[in-house]
Amino acid sequence: MMKLNLLSLITALMLFAGNTWATEYIFRDLMANTLPSAKCESEQAATATAAKAYTLKRYGRKFCQTQGYGWHVEQIKDNGKPVCDVCSNGDQGYRCHMEDVVVECKRIKPGSVGMLPGQH
């Protein structure tokens, strides 16, 4: 009885596993700029803050979400280049942001999920 249950479970998993390979995606590359940091820092520290992996990942997610529902980050293709400005509020220091960040976004292609295999 145990072997029969296990065999039927494995068979069911194999039948349904084929549908996951049928998922197709739409890809889109976006180029955008991040916002400057909130506080004034030395030029080296401000550049490091702007180029952090966390910052790029967070802005990459925002860039893809501007495309609409269902868009997600596939990868960050280019981190861009840092651009720094002198603080305008009288503080000594700089505020930096990344310019020309290239992000590849993906979305499930409409109609590719939920269909029977072999039918388009």
PDB file of N, CA and C in Angstrom:
ATOM      1  N   MET A   1       0.827  -1.190   0.000  1.00  0.00           N
ATOM      2  CA  MET A   1       0.000   0.000   0.000  1.00  0.00           C
ATOM      3  C   MET A   1       0.875   1.258   0.000  1.00  0.00           C
ATOM      4  N   MET A   2       1.942   1.241   0.815  1.00  0.00           N
ATOM      5  CA  MET A   2       2.842   2.388   0.895  1.00  0.00           C
ATOM      6  C   MET A   2       3.525   2.637  -0.441  1.00  0.00           C
ATOM      7  N   LYS A   3       3.948   1.559  -1.099  1.00  0.00           N
ATOM      8  CA  LYS A   3       4.611   1.696  -2.396  1.00  0.00           C
ATOM      9  C   LYS A   3       3.650   2.241  -3.445  1.00  0.00           C
ATOM     10  N   LEU A   4       2.402   1.848  -3.373  1.00  0.00           N
ATOM     11  CA  LEU A   4       1.407   2.321  -4.321  1.00  0.00           C
ATOM     12  C   LEU A   4       1.163   3.823  -4.142  1.00  0.00           C
ATOM     13  N   ASN A   5       1.075   4.277  -2.897  1.00  0.00           N
ATOM     14  CA  ASN A   5       0.904   5.715  -2.622  1.00  0.00           C
ATOM     15  C   ASN A   5       2.103   6.512  -3.110  1.00  0.00           C
ATOM     16  N   LEU A   6       3.285   5.996  -2.842  1.00  0.00           N
ATOM     17  CA  LEU A   6       4.502   6.678  -3.274  1.00  0.00           C
ATOM     18  C   LEU A   6       4.593   6.733  -4.797  1.00  0.00           C
ATOM     19  N   LEU A   7       4.263   5.636  -5.451  1.00  0.00           N
ATOM     20  CA  LEU A   7       4.300   5.582  -6.912  1.00  0.00           C
ATOM     21  C   LEU A   7       3.276   6.543  -7.526  1.00  0.00           C
ATOM     22  N   SER A   8       2.076   6.600  -6.944  1.00  0.00           N
ATOM     23  CA  SER A   8       1.063   7.511  -7.477  1.00  0.00           C
ATOM     24  C   SER A   8       1.453   8.970  -7.239  1.00  0.00           C
ATOM     25  N   LEU A   9       2.094   9.269  -6.126  1.00  0.00           N
ATOM     26  CA  LEU A   9       2.558  10.625  -5.854  1.00  0.00           C
ATOM     27  C   LEU A   9       3.633  11.043  -6.850  1.00  0.00           C
ATOM     28  N   ILE A  10       4.588  10.179  -7.089  1.00  0.00           N
ATOM     29  CA  ILE A  10       5.661  10.477  -8.049  1.00  0.00           C
ATOM     30  C   ILE A  10       5.086  10.657  -9.455  1.00  0.00           C
ATOM     31  N   THR A  11       4.141   9.820  -9.835  1.00  0.00           N
ATOM     32  CA  THR A  11       3.514   9.947 -11.153  1.00  0.00           C
ATOM     33  C   THR A  11       2.775  11.277 -11.279  1.00  0.00           C
ATOM     34  N   ALA A  12       2.038  11.657 -10.241  1.00  0.00           N
ATOM     35  CA  ALA A  12       1.309  12.929 -10.277  1.00  0.00           C
ATOM     36  C   ALA A  12       2.271  14.109 -10.370  1.00  0.00           C
ATOM     37  N   LEU A  13       3.357  14.058  -9.623  1.00  0.00           N
ATOM     38  CA  LEU A  13       4.337  15.136  -9.686  1.00  0.00           C
ATOM     39  C   LEU A  13       4.960  15.248 -11.068  1.00  0.00           C
ATOM     40  N   MET A  14       5.229  14.140 -11.697  1.00  0.00           N
ATOM     41  CA  MET A  14       5.832  14.162 -13.040  1.00  0.00           C
ATOM     42  C   MET A  14       4.861  14.730 -14.071  1.00  0.00           C
ATOM     43  N   LEU A  15       3.578  14.444 -13.910  1.00  0.00           N
ATOM     44  CA  LEU A  15       2.588  14.959 -14.855  1.00  0.00           C
ATOM     45  C   LEU A  15       2.446  16.476 -14.748  1.00  0.00           C
ATOM     46  N   PHE A  16       2.432  16.973 -13.511  1.00  0.00           N
ATOM     47  CA  PHE A  16       2.247  18.404 -13.315  1.00  0.00           C
ATOM     48  C   PHE A  16       3.536  19.201 -13.461  1.00  0.00           C
ATOM     49  N   ALA A  17       4.682  18.555 -13.380  1.00  0.00           N
ATOM     50  CA  ALA A  17       5.953  19.264 -13.507  1.00  0.00           C
ATOM     51  C   ALA A  17       6.165  19.787 -14.918  1.00  0.00           C
ATOM     52  N   GLY A  18       5.576  19.192 -15.903  1.00  0.00           N
ATOM     53  CA  GLY A  18       5.731  19.641 -17.286  1.00  0.00           C
ATOM     54  C   GLY A  18       5.160  21.024 -17.528  1.00  0.00           C
ATOM     55  N   ASN A  19       4.159  21.420 -16.771  1.00  0.00           N
ATOM     56  CA  ASN A  19       3.540  22.728 -16.964  1.00  0.00           C
ATOM     57  C   ASN A  19       4.450  23.865 -16.545  1.00  0.00           C
ATOM     58  N   THR A  20       5.362  23.640 -15.614  1.00  0.00           N
ATOM     59  CA  THR A  20       6.234  24.722 -15.174  1.00  0.00           C
ATOM     60  C   THR A  20       7.234  25.098 -16.261  1.00  0.00           C
ATOM     61  N   TRP A  21       7.562  24.197 -17.135  1.00  0.00           N
ATOM     62  CA  TRP A  21       8.501  24.496 -18.212  1.00  0.00           C
ATOM     63  C   TRP A  21       7.830  25.327 -19.305  1.00  0.00           C
ATOM     64  N   ALA A  22       6.505  25.382 -19.310  1.00  0.00           N
ATOM     65  CA  ALA A  22       5.787  26.105 -20.350  1.00  0.00           C
ATOM     66  C   ALA A  22       5.707  27.606 -20.072  1.00  0.00           C
ATOM     67  N   THR A  23       6.130  28.054 -18.914  1.00  0.00           N
ATOM     68  CA  THR A  23       6.057  29.469 -18.568  1.00  0.00           C
ATOM     69  C   THR A  23       7.028  30.261 -19.427  1.00  0.00           C
ATOM     70  N   GLU A  24       6.507  31.285 -20.078  1.00  0.00           N
ATOM     71  CA  GLU A  24       7.330  32.166 -20.910  1.00  0.00           C
ATOM     72  C   GLU A  24       7.363  33.549 -20.264  1.00  0.00           C
ATOM     73  N   TYR A  25       8.452  34.251 -20.497  1.00  0.00           N
ATOM     74  CA  TYR A  25       8.623  35.571 -19.906  1.00  0.00           C
ATOM     75  C   TYR A  25       8.835  36.629 -20.982  1.00  0.00           C
ATOM     76  N   ILE A  26       8.470  37.850 -20.638  1.00  0.00           N
ATOM     77  CA  ILE A  26       8.760  39.029 -21.443  1.00  0.00           C
ATOM     78  C   ILE A  26       9.879  39.766 -20.709  1.00  0.00           C
ATOM     79  N   PHE A  27      10.911  40.175 -21.424  1.00  0.00           N
ATOM     80  CA  PHE A  27      12.036  40.890 -20.808  1.00  0.00           C
ATOM     81  C   PHE A  27      12.087  42.311 -21.350  1.00  0.00           C
ATOM     82  N   ARG A  28      12.516  43.234 -20.491  1.00  0.00           N
ATOM     83  CA  ARG A  28      12.627  44.636 -20.889  1.00  0.00           C
ATOM     84  C   ARG A  28      13.801  45.253 -20.140  1.00  0.00           C
ATOM     85  N   ASP A  29      14.658  45.977 -20.850  1.00  0.00           N
ATOM     86  CA  ASP A  29      15.774  46.686 -20.231  1.00  0.00           C
ATOM     87  C   ASP A  29      15.368  48.137 -19.984  1.00  0.00           C
ATOM     88  N   LEU A  30      15.689  48.632 -18.802  1.00  0.00           N
ATOM     89  CA  LEU A  30      15.396  50.018 -18.441  1.00  0.00           C
ATOM     90  C   LEU A  30      16.677  50.716 -18.016  1.00  0.00           C
ATOM     91  N   MET A  31      16.781  51.997 -18.343  1.00  0.00           N
ATOM     92  CA  MET A  31      17.894  52.821 -17.875  1.00  0.00           C
ATOM     93  C   MET A  31      17.303  53.964 -17.066  1.00  0.00           C
ATOM     94  N   ALA A  32      17.826  54.149 -15.852  1.00  0.00           N
ATOM     95  CA  ALA A  32      17.299  55.203 -14.977  1.00  0.00           C
ATOM     96  C   ALA A  32      18.393  55.668 -14.024  1.00  0.00           C
ATOM     97  N   ASN A  33      18.084  56.707 -13.277  1.00  0.00           N
ATOM     98  CA  ASN A  33      19.005  57.258 -12.287  1.00  0.00           C
ATOM     99  C   ASN A  33      18.421  57.070 -10.891  1.00  0.00           C
ATOM    100  N   THR A  34      19.301  56.834  -9.912  1.00  0.00           N
ATOM    101  CA  THR A  34      18.844  56.774  -8.531  1.00  0.00           C
ATOM    102  C   THR A  34      18.740  58.200  -7.987  1.00  0.00           C
ATOM    103  N   LEU A  35      18.154  58.335  -6.815  1.00  0.00           N
ATOM    104  CA  LEU A  35      18.057  59.644  -6.170  1.00  0.00           C
ATOM    105  C   LEU A  35      19.298  59.899  -5.325  1.00  0.00           C
ATOM    106  N   PRO A  36      19.649  61.158  -5.093  1.00  0.00           N
ATOM    107  CA  PRO A  36      20.806  61.453  -4.240  1.00  0.00           C
ATOM    108  C   PRO A  36      20.570  61.002  -2.807  1.00  0.00           C
ATOM    109  N   SER A  37      21.657  60.750  -2.112  1.00  0.00           N
ATOM    110  CA  SER A  37      21.561  60.350  -0.708  1.00  0.00           C
ATOM    111  C   SER A  37      20.949  61.480   0.116  1.00  0.00           C
ATOM    112  N   ALA A  38      20.441  61.137   1.288  1.00  0.00           N
ATOM    113  CA  ALA A  38      19.729  62.119   2.110  1.00  0.00           C
ATOM    114  C   ALA A  38      20.671  63.065   2.841  1.00  0.00           C
ATOM    115  N   LYS A  39      21.833  62.574   3.246  1.00  0.00           N
ATOM    116  CA  LYS A  39      22.719  63.430   4.043  1.00  0.00           C
ATOM    117  C   LYS A  39      24.000  63.762   3.289  1.00  0.00           C
ATOM    118  N   CYS A  40      24.624  64.830   3.713  1.00  0.00           N
ATOM    119  CA  CYS A  40      25.883  65.259   3.111  1.00  0.00           C
ATOM    120  C   CYS A  40      27.034  64.505   3.763  1.00  0.00           C
ATOM    121  N   GLU A  41      27.938  63.993   2.926  1.00  0.00           N
ATOM    122  CA  GLU A  41      29.087  63.225   3.409  1.00  0.00           C
ATOM    123  C   GLU A  41      30.311  63.648   2.611  1.00  0.00           C
ATOM    124  N   SER A  42      31.453  63.124   2.994  1.00  0.00           N
ATOM    125  CA  SER A  42      32.645  63.356   2.176  1.00  0.00           C
ATOM    126  C   SER A  42      32.403  62.708   0.809  1.00  0.00           C
ATOM    127  N   GLU A  43      33.127  63.164  -0.200  1.00  0.00           N
ATOM    128  CA  GLU A  43      32.874  62.658  -1.554  1.00  0.00           C
ATOM    129  C   GLU A  43      33.060  61.149  -1.644  1.00  0.00           C
ATOM    130  N   GLN A  44      34.071  60.625  -0.986  1.00  0.00           N
ATOM    131  CA  GLN A  44      34.335  59.187  -1.026  1.00  0.00           C
ATOM    132  C   GLN A  44      33.211  58.405  -0.336  1.00  0.00           C
ATOM    133  N   ALA A  45      32.765  58.868   0.821  1.00  0.00           N
ATOM    134  CA  ALA A  45      31.692  58.184   1.551  1.00  0.00           C
ATOM    135  C   ALA A  45      30.363  58.288   0.798  1.00  0.00           C
ATOM    136  N   ALA A  46      30.086  59.443   0.203  1.00  0.00           N
ATOM    137  CA  ALA A  46      28.837  59.625  -0.543  1.00  0.00           C
ATOM    138  C   ALA A  46      28.816  58.745  -1.788  1.00  0.00           C
ATOM    139  N   THR A  47      29.956  58.599  -2.454  1.00  0.00           N
ATOM    140  CA  THR A  47      30.045  57.725  -3.624  1.00  0.00           C
ATOM    141  C   THR A  47      29.830  56.272  -3.210  1.00  0.00           C
ATOM    142  N   ALA A  48      30.421  55.859  -2.087  1.00  0.00           N
ATOM    143  CA  ALA A  48      30.256  54.488  -1.598  1.00  0.00           C
ATOM    144  C   ALA A  48      28.798  54.213  -1.224  1.00  0.00           C
ATOM    145  N   THR A  49      28.140  55.188  -0.621  1.00  0.00           N
ATOM    146  CA  THR A  49      26.731  55.029  -0.248  1.00  0.00           C
ATOM    147  C   THR A  49      25.859  54.867  -1.492  1.00  0.00           C
ATOM    148  N   ALA A  50      26.120  55.670  -2.505  1.00  0.00           N
ATOM    149  CA  ALA A  50      25.319  55.606  -3.728  1.00  0.00           C
ATOM    150  C   ALA A  50      25.534  54.306  -4.491  1.00  0.00           C
ATOM    151  N   ALA A  51      26.727  53.723  -4.390  1.00  0.00           N
ATOM    152  CA  ALA A  51      27.062  52.516  -5.159  1.00  0.00           C
ATOM    153  C   ALA A  51      26.832  51.224  -4.388  1.00  0.00           C
ATOM    154  N   LYS A  52      26.248  51.281  -3.197  1.00  0.00           N
ATOM    155  CA  LYS A  52      25.998  50.069  -2.416  1.00  0.00           C
ATOM    156  C   LYS A  52      25.089  49.115  -3.179  1.00  0.00           C
ATOM    157  N   ALA A  53      25.347  47.823  -3.038  1.00  0.00           N
ATOM    158  CA  ALA A  53      24.523  46.802  -3.707  1.00  0.00           C
ATOM    159  C   ALA A  53      23.072  46.888  -3.233  1.00  0.00           C
ATOM    160  N   TYR A  54      22.871  47.153  -1.951  1.00  0.00           N
ATOM    161  CA  TYR A  54      21.510  47.273  -1.422  1.00  0.00           C
ATOM    162  C   TYR A  54      20.753  48.413  -2.096  1.00  0.00           C
ATOM    163  N   THR A  55      21.415  49.561  -2.255  1.00  0.00           N
ATOM    164  CA  THR A  55      20.782  50.722  -2.883  1.00  0.00           C
ATOM    165  C   THR A  55      20.405  50.425  -4.330  1.00  0.00           C
ATOM    166  N   LEU A  56      21.326  49.813  -5.066  1.00  0.00           N
ATOM    167  CA  LEU A  56      21.048  49.489  -6.466  1.00  0.00           C
ATOM    168  C   LEU A  56      19.921  48.472  -6.592  1.00  0.00           C
ATOM    169  N   LYS A  57      19.903  47.487  -5.710  1.00  0.00           N
ATOM    170  CA  LYS A  57      18.854  46.471  -5.742  1.00  0.00           C
ATOM    171  C   LYS A  57      17.494  47.093  -5.431  1.00  0.00           C
ATOM    172  N   ARG A  58      17.461  47.981  -4.449  1.00  0.00           N
ATOM    173  CA  ARG A  58      16.205  48.637  -4.058  1.00  0.00           C
ATOM    174  C   ARG A  58      15.667  49.508  -5.194  1.00  0.00           C
ATOM    175  N   TYR A  59      16.549  50.313  -5.799  1.00  0.00           N
ATOM    176  CA  TYR A  59      16.103  51.158  -6.902  1.00  0.00           C
ATOM    177  C   TYR A  59      15.769  50.327  -8.138  1.00  0.00           C
ATOM    178  N   GLY A  60      16.498  49.242  -8.374  1.00  0.00           N
ATOM    179  CA  GLY A  60      16.182  48.354  -9.490  1.00  0.00           C
ATOM    180  C   GLY A  60      14.771  47.806  -9.380  1.00  0.00           C
ATOM    181  N   ARG A  61      14.382  47.424  -8.166  1.00  0.00           N
ATOM    182  CA  ARG A  61      13.029  46.923  -7.936  1.00  0.00           C
ATOM    183  C   ARG A  61      11.999  48.024  -8.222  1.00  0.00           C
ATOM    184  N   LYS A  62      12.304  49.253  -7.792  1.00  0.00           N
ATOM    185  CA  LYS A  62      11.390  50.369  -8.051  1.00  0.00           C
ATOM    186  C   LYS A  62      11.271  50.656  -9.550  1.00  0.00           C
ATOM    187  N   PHE A  63      12.401  50.584 -10.265  1.00  0.00           N
ATOM    188  CA  PHE A  63      12.376  50.843 -11.704  1.00  0.00           C
ATOM    189  C   PHE A  63      11.461  49.837 -12.408  1.00  0.00           C
ATOM    190  N   CYS A  64      11.586  48.564 -12.043  1.00  0.00           N
ATOM    191  CA  CYS A  64      10.757  47.541 -12.685  1.00  0.00           C
ATOM    192  C   CYS A  64       9.291  47.686 -12.307  1.00  0.00           C
ATOM    193  N   GLN A  65       9.017  48.059 -11.071  1.00  0.00           N
ATOM    194  CA  GLN A  65       7.633  48.204 -10.631  1.00  0.00           C
ATOM    195  C   GLN A  65       6.925  49.362 -11.331  1.00  0.00           C
ATOM    196  N   THR A  66       7.674  50.324 -11.847  1.00  0.00           N
ATOM    197  CA  THR A  66       7.037  51.424 -12.579  1.00  0.00           C
ATOM    198  C   THR A  66       6.448  50.944 -13.902  1.00  0.00           C
ATOM    199  N   GLN A  67       6.838  49.764 -14.366  1.00  0.00           N
ATOM    200  CA  GLN A  67       6.315  49.229 -15.612  1.00  0.00           C
ATOM    201  C   GLN A  67       4.915  48.654 -15.455  1.00  0.00           C
ATOM    202  N   GLY A  68       4.505  48.424 -14.216  1.00  0.00           N
ATOM    203  CA  GLY A  68       3.165  47.920 -13.960  1.00  0.00           C
ATOM    204  C   GLY A  68       3.176  46.646 -13.138  1.00  0.00           C
ATOM    205  N   TYR A  69       1.996  46.076 -12.977  1.00  0.00           N
ATOM    206  CA  TYR A  69       1.822  44.888 -12.154  1.00  0.00           C
ATOM    207  C   TYR A  69       2.549  43.694 -12.761  1.00  0.00           C
ATOM    208  N   GLY A  70       3.278  42.964 -11.930  1.00  0.00           N
ATOM    209  CA  GLY A  70       3.907  41.725 -12.361  1.00  0.00           C
ATOM    210  C   GLY A  70       5.341  41.842 -12.830  1.00  0.00           C
ATOM    211  N   TRP A  71       5.892  43.041 -12.921  1.00  0.00           N
ATOM    212  CA  TRP A  71       7.268  43.209 -13.367  1.00  0.00           C
ATOM    213  C   TRP A  71       8.226  43.056 -12.191  1.00  0.00           C
ATOM    214  N   HIS A  72       9.300  42.274 -12.406  1.00  0.00           N
ATOM    215  CA  HIS A  72      10.286  41.989 -11.369  1.00  0.00           C
ATOM    216  C   HIS A  72      11.687  42.145 -11.946  1.00  0.00           C
ATOM    217  N   VAL A  73      12.665  42.323 -11.070  1.00  0.00           N
ATOM    218  CA  VAL A  73      14.065  42.462 -11.487  1.00  0.00           C
ATOM    219  C   VAL A  73      14.620  41.087 -11.852  1.00  0.00           C
ATOM    220  N   GLU A  74      15.153  40.965 -13.042  1.00  0.00           N
ATOM    221  CA  GLU A  74      15.874  39.755 -13.442  1.00  0.00           C
ATOM    222  C   GLU A  74      17.349  39.912 -13.057  1.00  0.00           C
ATOM    223  N   GLN A  75      17.929  41.048 -13.440  1.00  0.00           N
ATOM    224  CA  GLN A  75      19.324  41.317 -13.080  1.00  0.00           C
ATOM    225  C   GLN A  75      19.631  42.802 -13.286  1.00  0.00           C
ATOM    226  N   ILE A  76      20.665  43.268 -12.610  1.00  0.00           N
ATOM    227  CA  ILE A  76      21.172  44.621 -12.837  1.00  0.00           C
ATOM    228  C   ILE A  76      22.343  44.470 -13.796  1.00  0.00           C
ATOM    229  N   LYS A  77      22.163  44.975 -15.022  1.00  0.00           N
ATOM    230  CA  LYS A  77      23.181  44.791 -16.055  1.00  0.00           C
ATOM    231  C   LYS A  77      24.346  45.760 -15.920  1.00  0.00           C
ATOM    232  N   ASP A  78      24.063  47.003 -15.509  1.00  0.00           N
ATOM    233  CA  ASP A  78      25.112  48.010 -15.385  1.00  0.00           C
ATOM    234  C   ASP A  78      24.816  48.870 -14.163  1.00  0.00           C
ATOM    235  N   ASN A  79      25.794  49.012 -13.283  1.00  0.00           N
ATOM    236  CA  ASN A  79      25.606  49.809 -12.068  1.00  0.00           C
ATOM    237  C   ASN A  79      25.592  51.303 -12.334  1.00  0.00           C
ATOM    238  N   GLY A  80      25.986  51.725 -13.511  1.00  0.00           N
ATOM    239  CA  GLY A  80      26.022  53.143 -13.832  1.00  0.00           C
ATOM    240  C   GLY A  80      27.273  53.811 -13.300  1.00  0.00           C
ATOM    241  N   LYS A  81      27.253  55.128 -13.332  1.00  0.00           N
ATOM    242  CA  LYS A  81      28.417  55.882 -12.850  1.00  0.00           C
ATOM    243  C   LYS A  81      27.965  56.863 -11.771  1.00  0.00           C
ATOM    244  N   PRO A  82      28.802  57.061 -10.755  1.00  0.00           N
ATOM    245  CA  PRO A  82      28.411  57.986  -9.686  1.00  0.00           C
ATOM    246  C   PRO A  82      28.539  59.446 -10.125  1.00  0.00           C
ATOM    247  N   VAL A  83      27.562  60.238  -9.732  1.00  0.00           N
ATOM    248  CA  VAL A  83      27.571  61.670  -9.999  1.00  0.00           C
ATOM    249  C   VAL A  83      27.344  62.370  -8.659  1.00  0.00           C
ATOM    250  N   CYS A  84      28.244  63.274  -8.310  1.00  0.00           N
ATOM    251  CA  CYS A  84      28.170  63.958  -7.013  1.00  0.00           C
ATOM    252  C   CYS A  84      27.960  65.455  -7.199  1.00  0.00           C
ATOM    253  N   ASP A  85      27.177  66.030  -6.300  1.00  0.00           N
ATOM    254  CA  ASP A  85      26.922  67.471  -6.267  1.00  0.00           C
ATOM    255  C   ASP A  85      27.259  67.986  -4.878  1.00  0.00           C
ATOM    256  N   VAL A  86      27.703  69.231  -4.828  1.00  0.00           N
ATOM    257  CA  VAL A  86      27.976  69.880  -3.540  1.00  0.00           C
ATOM    258  C   VAL A  86      26.643  70.148  -2.872  1.00  0.00           C
ATOM    259  N   CYS A  87      26.582  69.939  -1.568  1.00  0.00           N
ATOM    260  CA  CYS A  87      25.344  70.174  -0.822  1.00  0.00           C
ATOM    261  C   CYS A  87      24.960  71.656  -0.917  1.00  0.00           C
ATOM    262  N   SER A  88      23.692  71.901  -1.160  1.00  0.00           N
ATOM    263  CA  SER A  88      23.229  73.280  -1.367  1.00  0.00           C
ATOM    264  C   SER A  88      22.734  73.934  -0.082  1.00  0.00           C
ATOM    265  N   ASN A  89      22.616  73.166   0.993  1.00  0.00           N
ATOM    266  CA  ASN A  89      22.070  73.735   2.223  1.00  0.00           C
ATOM    267  C   ASN A  89      23.144  74.338   3.130  1.00  0.00           C
ATOM    268  N   GLY A  90      24.355  74.542   2.640  1.00  0.00           N
ATOM    269  CA  GLY A  90      25.412  75.174   3.414  1.00  0.00           C
ATOM    270  C   GLY A  90      26.318  74.192   4.136  1.00  0.00           C
ATOM    271  N   ASP A  91      25.933  72.917   4.189  1.00  0.00           N
ATOM    272  CA  ASP A  91      26.790  71.910   4.832  1.00  0.00           C
ATOM    273  C   ASP A  91      27.989  71.613   3.955  1.00  0.00           C
ATOM    274  N   GLN A  92      29.063  71.226   4.587  1.00  0.00           N
ATOM    275  CA  GLN A  92      30.241  70.798   3.845  1.00  0.00           C
ATOM    276  C   GLN A  92      30.013  69.346   3.426  1.00  0.00           C
ATOM    277  N   GLY A  93      30.245  69.059   2.180  1.00  0.00           N
ATOM    278  CA  GLY A  93      30.121  67.675   1.740  1.00  0.00           C
ATOM    279  C   GLY A  93      29.392  67.550   0.421  1.00  0.00           C
ATOM    280  N   TYR A  94      29.106  66.313   0.087  1.00  0.00           N
ATOM    281  CA  TYR A  94      28.520  65.985  -1.211  1.00  0.00           C
ATOM    282  C   TYR A  94      27.334  65.051  -1.037  1.00  0.00           C
ATOM    283  N   ARG A  95      26.454  65.072  -2.045  1.00  0.00           N
ATOM    284  CA  ARG A  95      25.350  64.126  -2.176  1.00  0.00           C
ATOM    285  C   ARG A  95      25.509  63.466  -3.533  1.00  0.00           C
ATOM    286  N   CYS A  96      25.568  62.146  -3.555  1.00  0.00           N
ATOM    287  CA  CYS A  96      25.823  61.419  -4.806  1.00  0.00           C
ATOM    288  C   CYS A  96      24.647  60.523  -5.179  1.00  0.00           C
ATOM    289  N   HIS A  97      24.540  60.261  -6.469  1.00  0.00           N
ATOM    290  CA  HIS A  97      23.568  59.298  -6.987  1.00  0.00           C
ATOM    291  C   HIS A  97      24.211  58.560  -8.155  1.00  0.00           C
ATOM    292  N   MET A  98      23.598  57.459  -8.559  1.00  0.00           N
ATOM    293  CA  MET A  98      24.101  56.679  -9.689  1.00  0.00           C
ATOM    294  C   MET A  98      23.299  57.054 -10.927  1.00  0.00           C
ATOM    295  N   GLU A  99      24.010  57.306 -12.007  1.00  0.00           N
ATOM    296  CA  GLU A  99      23.387  57.722 -13.254  1.00  0.00           C
ATOM    297  C   GLU A  99      23.515  56.610 -14.290  1.00  0.00           C
ATOM    298  N   ASP A 100      22.486  56.429 -15.098  1.00  0.00           N
ATOM    299  CA  ASP A 100      22.447  55.437 -16.187  1.00  0.00           C
ATOM    300  C   ASP A 100      22.576  54.004 -15.685  1.00  0.00           C
ATOM    301  N   VAL A 101      21.806  53.663 -14.663  1.00  0.00           N
ATOM    302  CA  VAL A 101      21.735  52.288 -14.166  1.00  0.00           C
ATOM    303  C   VAL A 101      20.847  51.498 -15.133  1.00  0.00           C
ATOM    304  N   VAL A 102      21.342  50.348 -15.615  1.00  0.00           N
ATOM    305  CA  VAL A 102      20.580  49.520 -16.549  1.00  0.00           C
ATOM    306  C   VAL A 102      20.100  48.277 -15.807  1.00  0.00           C
ATOM    307  N   VAL A 103      18.770  48.075 -15.817  1.00  0.00           N
ATOM    308  CA  VAL A 103      18.137  46.958 -15.130  1.00  0.00           C
ATOM    309  C   VAL A 103      17.343  46.148 -16.137  1.00  0.00           C
ATOM    310  N   GLU A 104      17.462  44.813 -16.062  1.00  0.00           N
ATOM    311  CA  GLU A 104      16.639  43.946 -16.897  1.00  0.00           C
ATOM    312  C   GLU A 104      15.457  43.475 -16.059  1.00  0.00           C
ATOM    313  N   CYS A 105      14.256  43.771 -16.542  1.00  0.00           N
ATOM    314  CA  CYS A 105      13.030  43.398 -15.852  1.00  0.00           C
ATOM    315  C   CYS A 105      12.354  42.258 -16.607  1.00  0.00           C
ATOM    316  N   LYS A 106      11.587  41.444 -15.863  1.00  0.00           N
ATOM    317  CA  LYS A 106      10.855  40.365 -16.518  1.00  0.00           C
ATOM    318  C   LYS A 106       9.443  40.296 -15.978  1.00  0.00           C
ATOM    319  N   ARG A 107       8.581  39.712 -16.819  1.00  0.00           N
ATOM    320  CA  ARG A 107       7.185  39.525 -16.465  1.00  0.00           C
ATOM    321  C   ARG A 107       6.706  38.260 -17.152  1.00  0.00           C
ATOM    322  N   ILE A 108       5.802  37.531 -16.523  1.00  0.00           N
ATOM    323  CA  ILE A 108       5.247  36.342 -17.159  1.00  0.00           C
ATOM    324  C   ILE A 108       4.430  36.780 -18.366  1.00  0.00           C
ATOM    325  N   LYS A 109       4.674  36.126 -19.490  1.00  0.00           N
ATOM    326  CA  LYS A 109       3.953  36.452 -20.720  1.00  0.00           C
ATOM    327  C   LYS A 109       2.482  36.071 -20.552  1.00  0.00           C
ATOM    328  N   PRO A 110       1.579  37.003 -20.839  1.00  0.00           N
ATOM    329  CA  PRO A 110       0.155  36.707 -20.686  1.00  0.00           C
ATOM    330  C   PRO A 110      -0.247  35.504 -21.548  1.00  0.00           C
ATOM    331  N   GLY A 111      -0.984  34.595 -20.944  1.00  0.00           N
ATOM    332  CA  GLY A 111      -1.461  33.419 -21.667  1.00  0.00           C
ATOM    333  C   GLY A 111      -0.518  32.238 -21.637  1.00  0.00           C
ATOM    334  N   SER A 112       0.669  32.386 -21.080  1.00  0.00           N
ATOM    335  CA  SER A 112       1.608  31.260 -21.090  1.00  0.00           C
ATOM    336  C   SER A 112       1.442  30.340 -19.887  1.00  0.00           C
ATOM    337  N   VAL A 113       0.684  30.759 -18.890  1.00  0.00           N
ATOM    338  CA  VAL A 113       0.486  29.942 -17.700  1.00  0.00           C
ATOM    339  C   VAL A 113      -0.976  29.528 -17.633  1.00  0.00           C
ATOM    340  N   GLY A 114      -1.207  28.289 -17.262  1.00  0.00           N
ATOM    341  CA  GLY A 114      -2.565  27.809 -17.102  1.00  0.00           C
ATOM    342  C   GLY A 114      -3.126  27.160 -18.339  1.00  0.00           C
ATOM    343  N   MET A 115      -2.344  27.082 -19.405  1.00  0.00           N
ATOM    344  CA  MET A 115      -2.825  26.429 -20.621  1.00  0.00           C
ATOM    345  C   MET A 115      -2.348  24.987 -20.628  1.00  0.00           C
ATOM    346  N   LEU A 116      -2.996  24.179 -21.404  1.00  0.00           N
ATOM    347  CA  LEU A 116      -2.584  22.797 -21.538  1.00  0.00           C
ATOM    348  C   LEU A 116      -1.306  22.725 -22.363  1.00  0.00           C
ATOM    349  N   PRO A 117      -0.399  21.815 -22.048  1.00  0.00           N
ATOM    350  CA  PRO A 117       0.849  21.700 -22.816  1.00  0.00           C
ATOM    351  C   PRO A 117       0.571  21.421 -24.290  1.00  0.00           C
ATOM    352  N   GLY A 118       1.305  22.106 -25.131  1.00  0.00           N
ATOM    353  CA  GLY A 118       1.172  21.899 -26.573  1.00  0.00           C
ATOM    354  C   GLY A 118       0.108  22.765 -27.237  1.00  0.00           C
ATOM    355  N   GLN A 119      -0.676  23.491 -26.460  1.00  0.00           N
ATOM    356  CA  GLN A 119      -1.694  24.364 -27.041  1.00  0.00           C
ATOM    357  C   GLN A 119      -1.296  25.813 -26.832  1.00  0.00           C
ATOM    358  N   HIS A 120      -1.335  26.615 -27.864  1.00  0.00           N
ATOM    359  CA  HIS A 120      -0.972  28.038 -27.757  1.00  0.00           C
ATOM    360  C   HIS A 120      -2.089  28.900 -28.264  1.00  0.00           C
TER     361      HIS A 120
END
